[in-house]
Amino acid sequence: MQSTYSGHEGAASASLLFDPTGGGPAILTEIAVWEEHRGKGWASELLRQICQEADREGLTLLLSVEPGPRGLSYEALAAWYRRHGFEIGQPAGANDPSILIRLPQAAV
C-alpha cells in the first residue's frame, strides 16, 4: 500500500499512516476532494482502491470521523465510511463512536 493516493489530476487525494513495526492498523488520516469536484464519486473511488489493497495485504484500516468545514455532516460521513465496510470499534476496546475500523475482507 502507498502512504498517499491521488486521482483526477490531484483533485482527489487520500493519505495514510502506517505502524513502523508492521503490526498495527493503517490509519486513514484524510480523504479530500476539491470543493468544485465533490459529488462525482472520486472520494469513493479512492477509498475503494485503498480498501481493496488493504484486503489483499490483510491490513486493518482505522480512522477518526472528522468532517471538514464545508464537507459532509458527521452523520453523513460516518454512514459513507460504513458503506465501505468500516464499523464502530477499536483495537484497544474503547467505546468512541467517532473511531471506525475496517478489518480485512475476503474477496467475494
Protein backbone atom coordinates (compact mmCIF):
# COMPACT_ATOMS: atom_id res chain seq x y z
CA MET A 1 0.00 0.00 0.00
CA GLN A 2 1.01 3.58 -0.51
CA SER A 3 1.01 6.38 2.05
CA THR A 4 -0.67 8.79 -0.37
CA TYR A 5 -3.21 8.33 -3.14
CA SER A 6 -4.20 10.87 -5.74
CA GLY A 7 -6.65 10.93 -8.60
CA HIS A 8 -8.12 13.20 -11.20
CA GLU A 9 -5.02 15.38 -11.54
CA GLY A 10 -4.78 15.89 -7.78
CA ALA A 11 -8.39 16.99 -7.29
CA ALA A 12 -8.94 13.95 -5.04
CA SER A 13 -6.42 12.65 -2.53
CA ALA A 14 -6.06 10.41 0.49
CA SER A 15 -3.29 9.76 2.97
CA LEU A 16 -2.45 7.00 5.43
CA LEU A 17 -0.03 6.45 8.29
CA PHE A 18 1.48 3.03 8.91
CA ASP A 19 2.69 1.35 12.08
CA PRO A 20 6.51 1.27 11.69
CA THR A 21 6.61 -2.20 13.29
CA GLY A 22 4.12 -3.52 10.74
CA GLY A 23 1.92 -4.98 13.47
CA GLY A 24 -0.80 -2.35 13.77
CA PRO A 25 -3.52 -0.96 11.56
CA ALA A 26 -3.01 1.65 8.87
CA ILE A 27 -4.58 4.94 9.89
CA LEU A 28 -6.54 6.72 7.19
CA THR A 29 -5.76 10.33 8.04
CA GLU A 30 -7.55 12.17 5.24
CA ILE A 31 -9.67 11.90 2.14
CA ALA A 32 -10.23 15.18 0.35
CA VAL A 33 -11.79 16.34 -2.90
CA TRP A 34 -11.64 19.88 -4.20
CA GLU A 35 -14.94 21.55 -3.44
CA GLU A 36 -15.86 22.14 -7.09
CA HIS A 37 -15.49 18.41 -7.82
CA ARG A 38 -17.44 16.95 -4.90
CA GLY A 39 -20.35 14.66 -5.63
CA LYS A 40 -18.63 12.95 -8.58
CA GLY A 41 -17.71 9.79 -6.64
CA TRP A 42 -13.98 10.49 -6.65
CA ALA A 43 -13.54 10.02 -2.89
CA SER A 44 -15.44 6.72 -3.11
CA GLU A 45 -13.17 5.68 -5.96
CA LEU A 46 -10.06 6.33 -3.86
CA LEU A 47 -11.50 4.66 -0.77
CA ARG A 48 -12.46 1.55 -2.77
CA GLN A 49 -8.88 1.34 -4.08
CA ILE A 50 -7.44 1.71 -0.57
CA CYS A 51 -9.83 -0.93 0.83
CA GLN A 52 -9.05 -3.38 -1.98
CA GLU A 53 -5.31 -3.00 -1.40
CA ALA A 54 -5.74 -3.36 2.37
CA ASP A 55 -7.78 -6.54 1.80
CA ARG A 56 -5.09 -8.00 -0.48
CA GLU A 57 -2.43 -7.27 2.14
CA GLY A 58 -4.54 -8.38 5.11
CA LEU A 59 -4.29 -4.91 6.63
CA THR A 60 -6.75 -3.37 9.09
CA LEU A 61 -7.76 0.26 8.47
CA LEU A 62 -8.57 2.70 11.24
CA LEU A 63 -9.92 6.27 11.09
CA SER A 64 -11.50 9.03 13.09
CA VAL A 65 -14.65 10.56 11.61
CA GLU A 66 -13.89 14.28 11.43
CA PRO A 67 -15.96 16.30 8.97
CA GLY A 68 -14.28 19.19 7.21
CA PRO A 69 -15.64 22.74 7.44
CA ARG A 70 -17.57 22.55 4.15
CA GLY A 71 -17.95 18.80 3.74
CA LEU A 72 -20.48 16.20 4.84
CA SER A 73 -22.02 16.27 8.30
CA TYR A 74 -20.66 13.85 10.92
CA GLU A 75 -23.65 11.53 10.43
CA ALA A 76 -23.38 11.53 6.62
CA LEU A 77 -19.62 11.00 6.70
CA ALA A 78 -19.87 8.12 9.20
CA ALA A 79 -22.58 6.50 7.04
CA TRP A 80 -20.36 6.90 3.95
CA TYR A 81 -17.50 5.10 5.69
CA ARG A 82 -19.86 2.34 6.89
CA ARG A 83 -20.94 1.74 3.27
CA HIS A 84 -17.27 0.92 2.62
CA GLY A 85 -17.09 -1.67 5.39
CA PHE A 86 -16.00 0.44 8.37
CA GLU A 87 -17.69 -0.09 11.72
CA ILE A 88 -17.51 1.27 15.24
CA GLY A 89 -14.86 -0.49 17.24
CA GLN A 90 -11.28 -0.03 18.20
CA PRO A 91 -8.39 -2.41 18.66
CA ALA A 92 -7.92 -1.04 22.19
CA GLY A 93 -11.60 -1.65 23.00
CA ALA A 94 -12.53 1.97 23.73
CA ASN A 95 -16.13 2.93 23.05
CA ASP A 96 -15.76 6.06 20.90
CA PRO A 97 -18.29 6.15 18.04
CA SER A 98 -16.11 8.56 16.05
CA ILE A 99 -13.40 5.88 15.66
CA LEU A 100 -14.15 3.41 12.88
CA ILE A 101 -12.27 0.27 11.93
CA ARG A 102 -12.30 -1.91 8.83
CA LEU A 103 -10.94 -5.42 9.11
CA PRO A 104 -9.52 -7.10 6.01
CA GLN A 105 -12.26 -8.73 3.99
CA ALA A 106 -12.06 -11.81 1.80
CA ALA A 107 -12.62 -11.37 -1.92
CA VAL A 108 -16.10 -12.42 -2.99
